[in-house]
Structure formats: C-alpha cells, structure tokens
Amino acid sequence: MNLSPENKIAGILTPLFALRSEKGLGIGDVATLREFIVWAREIGFGVVQLLPINEV
C-alpha cells in the first residue's frame, strides 16, 4: 500500500438517514444520496462512505 502524500484523498462518512432534501421523504433516500455525492465531488471530496444500512 502506497501512503505517499500525493495519493491522499478526502472523504465524508455519513449515515443515510442524516441526508435531507426538499424532494426527499425526510428519512434519507437514494435520490438524496445521489445529490449528496454530486455535491461532495464538486467541492473536492473523493469518497462518500455510508454507515451500514439495516444492520442487525
């Protein structure tokens, strides 16, 4: 694994239920996640990581 500073990327970790939008159902949904990913990419993030969904 190469850990040189030139290869670093920044990311965001979020639970899906924390994502809200005007069009969403208020519980976090895939359409809102897509909007969030586009926004994150536009501001320079390279990774969006979600907490596990329906983990039992």
N, C-alpha and C. Protein backbone atom coordinates (compact mmCIF):
# COMPACT_ATOMS: atom_id res chain seq x y z
N MET A 1 0.85 -1.17 0.00
CA MET A 1 0.00 0.00 0.00
C MET A 1 0.89 1.23 0.00
N ASN A 2 0.64 2.14 -0.94
CA ASN A 2 1.43 3.36 -1.05
C ASN A 2 0.73 4.50 -0.32
N LEU A 3 1.35 5.02 0.75
CA LEU A 3 0.74 6.07 1.55
C LEU A 3 1.39 7.43 1.34
N SER A 4 1.91 7.69 0.18
CA SER A 4 2.58 8.97 -0.07
C SER A 4 1.55 10.10 -0.07
N PRO A 5 1.97 11.31 0.34
CA PRO A 5 1.04 12.45 0.39
C PRO A 5 0.40 12.78 -0.96
N GLU A 6 1.04 12.45 -2.05
CA GLU A 6 0.47 12.74 -3.36
C GLU A 6 -0.77 11.89 -3.66
N ASN A 7 -0.93 10.76 -2.97
CA ASN A 7 -2.04 9.86 -3.24
C ASN A 7 -3.19 9.99 -2.24
N LYS A 8 -3.15 10.98 -1.37
CA LYS A 8 -4.21 11.13 -0.37
C LYS A 8 -5.48 11.69 -0.99
N ILE A 9 -6.62 11.23 -0.48
CA ILE A 9 -7.91 11.78 -0.88
C ILE A 9 -8.71 12.06 0.38
N ALA A 10 -9.66 12.97 0.28
CA ALA A 10 -10.53 13.30 1.40
C ALA A 10 -11.89 12.68 1.16
N GLY A 11 -12.58 12.37 2.25
CA GLY A 11 -13.91 11.78 2.14
C GLY A 11 -14.82 12.20 3.26
N ILE A 12 -16.08 11.81 3.14
CA ILE A 12 -17.12 12.12 4.12
C ILE A 12 -17.77 10.81 4.54
N LEU A 13 -17.99 10.64 5.84
CA LEU A 13 -18.72 9.50 6.38
C LEU A 13 -20.03 10.01 6.94
N THR A 14 -21.15 9.44 6.52
CA THR A 14 -22.46 9.90 6.98
C THR A 14 -23.44 8.74 7.03
N PRO A 15 -24.37 8.78 7.97
CA PRO A 15 -25.48 7.82 7.90
C PRO A 15 -26.49 8.30 6.85
N LEU A 16 -27.09 7.39 6.14
CA LEU A 16 -28.05 7.75 5.09
C LEU A 16 -29.20 8.57 5.66
N PHE A 17 -29.67 8.24 6.86
CA PHE A 17 -30.81 8.94 7.43
C PHE A 17 -30.52 10.40 7.78
N ALA A 18 -29.25 10.80 7.77
CA ALA A 18 -28.89 12.19 8.06
C ALA A 18 -29.00 13.09 6.84
N LEU A 19 -29.15 12.51 5.66
CA LEU A 19 -29.22 13.30 4.43
C LEU A 19 -30.66 13.74 4.19
N ARG A 20 -30.85 15.04 4.00
CA ARG A 20 -32.18 15.60 3.79
C ARG A 20 -32.20 16.41 2.49
N SER A 21 -33.34 16.46 1.85
CA SER A 21 -33.52 17.33 0.68
C SER A 21 -34.98 17.75 0.62
N GLU A 22 -35.26 18.78 -0.16
CA GLU A 22 -36.64 19.25 -0.31
C GLU A 22 -37.53 18.20 -0.97
N LYS A 23 -36.95 17.40 -1.86
CA LYS A 23 -37.72 16.39 -2.58
C LYS A 23 -37.80 15.07 -1.83
N GLY A 24 -36.94 14.88 -0.82
CA GLY A 24 -36.86 13.61 -0.13
C GLY A 24 -38.01 13.37 0.82
N LEU A 25 -38.04 12.17 1.38
CA LEU A 25 -39.09 11.78 2.31
C LEU A 25 -38.75 12.12 3.76
N GLY A 26 -37.59 12.72 3.99
CA GLY A 26 -37.19 13.10 5.34
C GLY A 26 -36.51 12.00 6.12
N ILE A 27 -36.23 10.87 5.48
CA ILE A 27 -35.60 9.75 6.17
C ILE A 27 -34.28 9.35 5.52
N GLY A 28 -33.87 10.09 4.51
CA GLY A 28 -32.67 9.71 3.76
C GLY A 28 -33.05 8.68 2.72
N ASP A 29 -32.83 8.99 1.47
CA ASP A 29 -33.17 8.06 0.40
C ASP A 29 -32.08 8.11 -0.67
N VAL A 30 -32.15 7.19 -1.61
CA VAL A 30 -31.09 7.06 -2.60
C VAL A 30 -31.01 8.29 -3.51
N ALA A 31 -32.14 8.91 -3.84
CA ALA A 31 -32.11 10.11 -4.68
C ALA A 31 -31.35 11.23 -3.98
N THR A 32 -31.58 11.39 -2.68
CA THR A 32 -30.86 12.40 -1.91
C THR A 32 -29.38 12.05 -1.81
N LEU A 33 -29.08 10.77 -1.68
CA LEU A 33 -27.69 10.32 -1.64
C LEU A 33 -26.98 10.68 -2.95
N ARG A 34 -27.64 10.50 -4.07
CA ARG A 34 -27.04 10.86 -5.36
C ARG A 34 -26.72 12.35 -5.41
N GLU A 35 -27.65 13.19 -4.95
CA GLU A 35 -27.41 14.63 -4.91
C GLU A 35 -26.22 14.95 -4.02
N PHE A 36 -26.12 14.27 -2.88
CA PHE A 36 -25.03 14.48 -1.94
C PHE A 36 -23.69 14.09 -2.56
N ILE A 37 -23.66 12.98 -3.29
CA ILE A 37 -22.43 12.54 -3.94
C ILE A 37 -21.97 13.56 -4.98
N VAL A 38 -22.90 14.08 -5.77
CA VAL A 38 -22.56 15.10 -6.76
C VAL A 38 -21.99 16.33 -6.06
N TRP A 39 -22.65 16.79 -5.00
CA TRP A 39 -22.17 17.95 -4.24
C TRP A 39 -20.78 17.69 -3.67
N ALA A 40 -20.57 16.52 -3.06
CA ALA A 40 -19.27 16.19 -2.46
C ALA A 40 -18.17 16.20 -3.52
N ARG A 41 -18.45 15.67 -4.68
CA ARG A 41 -17.46 15.66 -5.76
C ARG A 41 -17.15 17.08 -6.24
N GLU A 42 -18.18 17.92 -6.34
CA GLU A 42 -17.98 19.30 -6.79
C GLU A 42 -17.06 20.09 -5.87
N ILE A 43 -17.09 19.79 -4.57
CA ILE A 43 -16.24 20.54 -3.64
C ILE A 43 -14.92 19.83 -3.35
N GLY A 44 -14.66 18.71 -4.03
CA GLY A 44 -13.34 18.11 -3.98
C GLY A 44 -13.18 16.83 -3.18
N PHE A 45 -14.27 16.29 -2.65
CA PHE A 45 -14.15 15.02 -1.94
C PHE A 45 -14.09 13.86 -2.93
N GLY A 46 -13.33 12.83 -2.59
CA GLY A 46 -13.17 11.69 -3.47
C GLY A 46 -13.90 10.45 -3.00
N VAL A 47 -14.43 10.46 -1.75
CA VAL A 47 -15.09 9.29 -1.19
C VAL A 47 -16.30 9.73 -0.38
N VAL A 48 -17.41 9.03 -0.55
CA VAL A 48 -18.56 9.17 0.34
C VAL A 48 -18.81 7.79 0.92
N GLN A 49 -18.73 7.69 2.24
CA GLN A 49 -18.90 6.40 2.91
C GLN A 49 -20.16 6.46 3.77
N LEU A 50 -20.98 5.42 3.70
CA LEU A 50 -22.20 5.34 4.50
C LEU A 50 -22.00 4.40 5.67
N LEU A 51 -22.71 4.68 6.75
CA LEU A 51 -22.79 3.71 7.83
C LEU A 51 -23.61 2.53 7.32
N PRO A 52 -23.48 1.37 7.93
CA PRO A 52 -24.26 0.21 7.48
C PRO A 52 -25.77 0.51 7.49
N ILE A 53 -26.48 -0.02 6.50
CA ILE A 53 -27.92 0.17 6.39
C ILE A 53 -28.61 -1.10 6.86
N ASN A 54 -29.58 -0.97 7.76
CA ASN A 54 -30.35 -2.10 8.30
C ASN A 54 -29.44 -3.17 8.92
N GLU A 55 -28.43 -2.72 9.63
CA GLU A 55 -27.51 -3.65 10.29
C GLU A 55 -28.24 -4.31 11.46
N VAL A 56 -28.13 -5.62 11.55
CA VAL A 56 -28.76 -6.34 12.66
C VAL A 56 -27.74 -7.09 13.46
